[in-house]
């Protein structure tokens, strides 16, 4: 909300808010305490900035393969489950009512 002054659907306002926030951070954080880091750069720049040696492992890459698609599917499933839990009591009540009406009419 802060990035867009409440207009979260406005993509250009969101982009401009993001750029403005980044510019503000660059202007207030001392250069010796600030690292602009891109994950694809790997361990090198990050470890040099922190003054530590690079670990003996590959830099993590959580976007490899179909991880993003699986995460999106999992989130969508959770949303559907939550919505179904809200609707089920109503559907159940209607089905019980219809079953009762059918049973009454068949007598």
C-alpha atoms as a PDB file:
ATOM      1  CA  UNK A   1       0.000   0.000   0.000  1.00  0.00           C
ATOM      2  CA  UNK A   2       2.812   2.397   0.817  1.00  0.00           C
ATOM      3  CA  UNK A   3       4.392   1.916  -2.593  1.00  0.00           C
ATOM      4  CA  UNK A   4       1.231   2.934  -4.432  1.00  0.00           C
ATOM      5  CA  UNK A   5      -0.528   5.192  -1.909  1.00  0.00           C
ATOM      6  CA  UNK A   6      -3.305   2.612  -1.647  1.00  0.00           C
ATOM      7  CA  UNK A   7      -3.769   2.075  -5.398  1.00  0.00           C
ATOM      8  CA  UNK A   8      -2.348  -1.472  -5.445  1.00  0.00           C
ATOM      9  CA  UNK A   9      -3.856  -2.340  -8.840  1.00  0.00           C
ATOM     10  CA  UNK A  10      -2.015   0.502 -10.587  1.00  0.00           C
ATOM     11  CA  UNK A  11       1.047  -1.226 -12.091  1.00  0.00           C
ATOM     12  CA  UNK A  12       2.814   1.994 -13.061  1.00  0.00           C
ATOM     13  CA  UNK A  13       2.304   3.444  -9.576  1.00  0.00           C
ATOM     14  CA  UNK A  14       3.595   0.197  -8.044  1.00  0.00           C
ATOM     15  CA  UNK A  15       6.686   0.255 -10.277  1.00  0.00           C
ATOM     16  CA  UNK A  16       7.348   3.927  -9.529  1.00  0.00           C
ATOM     17  CA  UNK A  17       6.843   3.359  -5.805  1.00  0.00           C
ATOM     18  CA  UNK A  18       9.335   0.502  -5.908  1.00  0.00           C
ATOM     19  CA  UNK A  19      11.899   2.643  -7.764  1.00  0.00           C
ATOM     20  CA  UNK A  20      11.355   5.554  -5.353  1.00  0.00           C
ATOM     21  CA  UNK A  21      11.795   3.298  -2.323  1.00  0.00           C
ATOM     22  CA  UNK A  22      15.019   1.856  -3.760  1.00  0.00           C
ATOM     23  CA  UNK A  23      16.343   5.370  -4.439  1.00  0.00           C
ATOM     24  CA  UNK A  24      15.499   6.389  -0.878  1.00  0.00           C
ATOM     25  CA  UNK A  25      17.342   3.376   0.581  1.00  0.00           C
ATOM     26  CA  UNK A  26      20.392   4.144  -1.596  1.00  0.00           C
ATOM     27  CA  UNK A  27      20.367   7.738  -0.362  1.00  0.00           C
ATOM     28  CA  UNK A  28      20.206   6.977   3.379  1.00  0.00           C
ATOM     29  CA  UNK A  29      22.325   3.835   3.807  1.00  0.00           C
ATOM     30  CA  UNK A  30      26.096   4.465   3.926  1.00  0.00           C
ATOM     31  CA  UNK A  31      27.824   2.983   0.852  1.00  0.00           C
ATOM     32  CA  UNK A  32      30.144   0.810   2.970  1.00  0.00           C
ATOM     33  CA  UNK A  33      27.082  -0.824   4.566  1.00  0.00           C
ATOM     34  CA  UNK A  34      25.070  -1.276   1.392  1.00  0.00           C
ATOM     35  CA  UNK A  35      25.265  -4.043  -1.216  1.00  0.00           C
ATOM     36  CA  UNK A  36      23.108  -4.160  -4.310  1.00  0.00           C
ATOM     37  CA  UNK A  37      23.067  -7.851  -4.972  1.00  0.00           C
ATOM     38  CA  UNK A  38      21.550  -9.957  -7.723  1.00  0.00           C
ATOM     39  CA  UNK A  39      21.115 -13.633  -6.832  1.00  0.00           C
ATOM     40  CA  UNK A  40      22.530 -14.747 -10.182  1.00  0.00           C
ATOM     41  CA  UNK A  41      25.893 -13.244  -9.139  1.00  0.00           C
ATOM     42  CA  UNK A  42      26.367 -16.154  -6.749  1.00  0.00           C
ATOM     43  CA  UNK A  43      28.405 -16.254  -3.542  1.00  0.00           C
ATOM     44  CA  UNK A  44      31.298 -13.999  -4.647  1.00  0.00           C
ATOM     45  CA  UNK A  45      29.967 -10.457  -4.178  1.00  0.00           C
ATOM     46  CA  UNK A  46      27.941 -11.392  -1.106  1.00  0.00           C
ATOM     47  CA  UNK A  47      30.848 -13.105   0.679  1.00  0.00           C
ATOM     48  CA  UNK A  48      33.291 -10.289  -0.203  1.00  0.00           C
ATOM     49  CA  UNK A  49      30.843  -7.743   1.193  1.00  0.00           C
ATOM     50  CA  UNK A  50      30.415  -9.733   4.405  1.00  0.00           C
ATOM     51  CA  UNK A  51      34.138 -10.436   4.691  1.00  0.00           C
ATOM     52  CA  UNK A  52      33.731 -14.198   4.768  1.00  0.00           C
ATOM     53  CA  UNK A  53      35.011 -16.987   2.550  1.00  0.00           C
ATOM     54  CA  UNK A  54      32.727 -18.599   0.008  1.00  0.00           C
ATOM     55  CA  UNK A  55      31.098 -21.844   1.206  1.00  0.00           C
ATOM     56  CA  UNK A  56      31.845 -25.173  -0.443  1.00  0.00           C
ATOM     57  CA  UNK A  57      28.386 -25.476  -1.938  1.00  0.00           C
ATOM     58  CA  UNK A  58      26.488 -24.233  -4.957  1.00  0.00           C
ATOM     59  CA  UNK A  59      24.572 -21.002  -4.520  1.00  0.00           C
ATOM     60  CA  UNK A  60      20.911 -21.913  -3.832  1.00  0.00           C
ATOM     61  CA  UNK A  61      18.542 -21.629  -6.771  1.00  0.00           C
ATOM     62  CA  UNK A  62      14.935 -22.151  -5.732  1.00  0.00           C
ATOM     63  CA  UNK A  63      13.598 -21.233  -9.189  1.00  0.00           C
ATOM     64  CA  UNK A  64      15.185 -24.270 -10.807  1.00  0.00           C
ATOM     65  CA  UNK A  65      12.967 -26.644 -12.707  1.00  0.00           C
ATOM     66  CA  UNK A  66       9.267 -26.507 -12.066  1.00  0.00           C
ATOM     67  CA  UNK A  67       9.475 -25.289  -8.445  1.00  0.00           C
ATOM     68  CA  UNK A  68       7.538 -22.082  -9.189  1.00  0.00           C
ATOM     69  CA  UNK A  69       4.749 -23.981 -10.942  1.00  0.00           C
ATOM     70  CA  UNK A  70       4.477 -26.425  -8.022  1.00  0.00           C
ATOM     71  CA  UNK A  71       4.357 -23.572  -5.512  1.00  0.00           C
ATOM     72  CA  UNK A  72       1.639 -21.800  -7.506  1.00  0.00           C
ATOM     73  CA  UNK A  73      -0.383 -25.017  -7.728  1.00  0.00           C
ATOM     74  CA  UNK A  74      -0.049 -25.591  -3.972  1.00  0.00           C
ATOM     75  CA  UNK A  75      -1.197 -22.039  -3.169  1.00  0.00           C
ATOM     76  CA  UNK A  76      -4.194 -22.346  -5.508  1.00  0.00           C
ATOM     77  CA  UNK A  77      -5.167 -25.671  -3.931  1.00  0.00           C
ATOM     78  CA  UNK A  78      -5.040 -24.141  -0.453  1.00  0.00           C
ATOM     79  CA  UNK A  79      -7.247 -21.250  -1.577  1.00  0.00           C
ATOM     80  CA  UNK A  80      -9.774 -23.666  -3.100  1.00  0.00           C
ATOM     81  CA  UNK A  81      -9.806 -25.798   0.060  1.00  0.00           C
ATOM     82  CA  UNK A  82     -10.471 -22.731   2.243  1.00  0.00           C
ATOM     83  CA  UNK A  83     -13.289 -21.583  -0.029  1.00  0.00           C
ATOM     84  CA  UNK A  84     -14.793 -25.086  -0.143  1.00  0.00           C
ATOM     85  CA  UNK A  85     -14.804 -25.277   3.660  1.00  0.00           C
ATOM     86  CA  UNK A  86     -16.847 -22.063   3.763  1.00  0.00           C
ATOM     87  CA  UNK A  87     -19.357 -23.283   1.166  1.00  0.00           C
ATOM     88  CA  UNK A  88     -19.765 -26.903   2.310  1.00  0.00           C
ATOM     89  CA  UNK A  89     -22.107 -26.235   5.266  1.00  0.00           C
ATOM     90  CA  UNK A  90     -24.500 -24.392   2.942  1.00  0.00           C
ATOM     91  CA  UNK A  91     -24.292 -27.091   0.263  1.00  0.00           C
ATOM     92  CA  UNK A  92     -24.827 -29.777   2.917  1.00  0.00           C
ATOM     93  CA  UNK A  93     -27.902 -28.015   4.293  1.00  0.00           C
ATOM     94  CA  UNK A  94     -29.392 -27.663   0.804  1.00  0.00           C
ATOM     95  CA  UNK A  95     -28.754 -31.338   0.018  1.00  0.00           C
ATOM     96  CA  UNK A  96     -30.378 -32.434   3.288  1.00  0.00           C
ATOM     97  CA  UNK A  97     -33.356 -30.214   2.494  1.00  0.00           C
ATOM     98  CA  UNK A  98     -33.683 -31.585  -1.038  1.00  0.00           C
ATOM     99  CA  UNK A  99     -33.347 -35.186   0.212  1.00  0.00           C
ATOM    100  CA  UNK A 100     -36.011 -34.548   2.837  1.00  0.00           C
ATOM    101  CA  UNK A 101     -38.339 -33.003   0.269  1.00  0.00           C
ATOM    102  CA  UNK A 102     -37.831 -35.941  -2.107  1.00  0.00           C
ATOM    103  CA  UNK A 103     -38.446 -38.441   0.692  1.00  0.00           C
ATOM    104  CA  UNK A 104     -41.632 -36.615   1.716  1.00  0.00           C
ATOM    105  CA  UNK A 105     -42.935 -36.514  -1.883  1.00  0.00           C
ATOM    106  CA  UNK A 106     -42.213 -40.229  -2.444  1.00  0.00           C
ATOM    107  CA  UNK A 107     -44.505 -41.253   0.425  1.00  0.00           C
END
